[in-house]
Amino acid sequence: MLKIIIMTKQDTSSRIIWIETTIMKALKEGHQPNTGDKYQSLRIEAEILRCIYYGNDSSNCRRIYTK
């Protein structure tokens, strides 16, 4: 079953911050990022959310994983 969630701008920015904090914590603990690691899905989600939040034409919308 597909679940649709409507996020406000506040929800979106909070989720982006949570994802980036989670990844930064892992990096601080010595995690070496690579394609296919356990944080890959979070990096993709953050990329998509940044593009939604700032707009596709923004410099904050860096498409690395979802070209």
Protein backbone atom coordinates (compact mmCIF):
# COMPACT_ATOMS: atom_id res chain seq x y z
CA MET A 1 0.00 0.00 0.00
CA LEU A 2 1.34 3.41 -0.98
CA LYS A 3 1.38 5.94 1.81
CA ILE A 4 1.28 9.61 0.83
CA ILE A 5 2.66 12.14 3.28
CA ILE A 6 2.25 15.87 2.80
CA MET A 7 5.18 17.80 4.25
CA THR A 8 5.18 21.49 5.08
CA LYS A 9 8.31 23.55 4.43
CA GLN A 10 9.08 23.25 8.14
CA ASP A 11 8.71 19.44 7.98
CA THR A 12 10.96 19.34 4.93
CA SER A 13 13.71 21.46 6.46
CA SER A 14 13.52 19.48 9.72
CA ARG A 15 13.90 16.21 7.82
CA ILE A 16 16.87 17.56 5.81
CA ILE A 17 18.56 18.68 9.04
CA TRP A 18 17.90 15.31 10.70
CA ILE A 19 19.35 13.41 7.74
CA GLU A 20 22.44 15.59 7.51
CA THR A 21 23.00 15.39 11.28
CA THR A 22 22.71 11.61 11.16
CA ILE A 23 25.24 11.36 8.32
CA MET A 24 27.63 13.85 9.93
CA LYS A 25 27.52 11.85 13.18
CA ALA A 26 28.41 8.68 11.27
CA LEU A 27 31.30 10.46 9.54
CA LYS A 28 32.57 11.72 12.88
CA GLU A 29 32.50 8.14 14.16
CA GLY A 30 34.73 7.06 11.27
CA HIS A 31 32.24 5.95 8.62
CA GLN A 32 33.68 6.09 5.10
CA PRO A 33 30.85 6.97 2.67
CA ASN A 34 30.52 4.90 -0.47
CA THR A 35 27.83 4.02 -2.96
CA GLY A 36 25.56 1.35 -1.57
CA ASP A 37 26.33 1.88 2.12
CA LYS A 38 23.60 2.05 4.74
CA TYR A 39 23.35 5.85 4.40
CA GLN A 40 22.87 5.85 0.61
CA SER A 41 19.08 6.04 0.86
CA LEU A 42 19.33 8.97 3.26
CA ARG A 43 21.69 10.86 0.91
CA ILE A 44 19.22 10.35 -1.93
CA GLU A 45 16.29 11.47 0.22
CA ALA A 46 18.16 14.60 1.34
CA GLU A 47 19.03 15.42 -2.26
CA ILE A 48 15.40 15.13 -3.36
CA LEU A 49 14.13 17.13 -0.38
CA ARG A 50 16.66 19.93 -0.99
CA CYS A 51 15.49 20.20 -4.60
CA ILE A 52 11.85 20.32 -3.47
CA TYR A 53 12.60 22.84 -0.72
CA TYR A 54 14.86 25.22 -2.68
CA GLY A 55 13.67 24.53 -6.23
CA ASN A 56 15.33 22.64 -9.08
CA ASP A 57 17.11 25.75 -10.39
CA SER A 58 18.73 26.56 -7.03
CA SER A 59 22.43 26.03 -6.31
CA ASN A 60 21.27 24.07 -3.24
CA CYS A 61 19.72 21.47 -5.52
CA ARG A 62 22.85 19.43 -6.27
CA ARG A 63 21.90 16.37 -8.28
CA ILE A 64 24.49 13.68 -7.67
CA TYR A 65 22.40 10.56 -7.10
CA THR A 66 19.17 11.42 -8.95
CA LYS A 67 20.26 12.80 -12.32
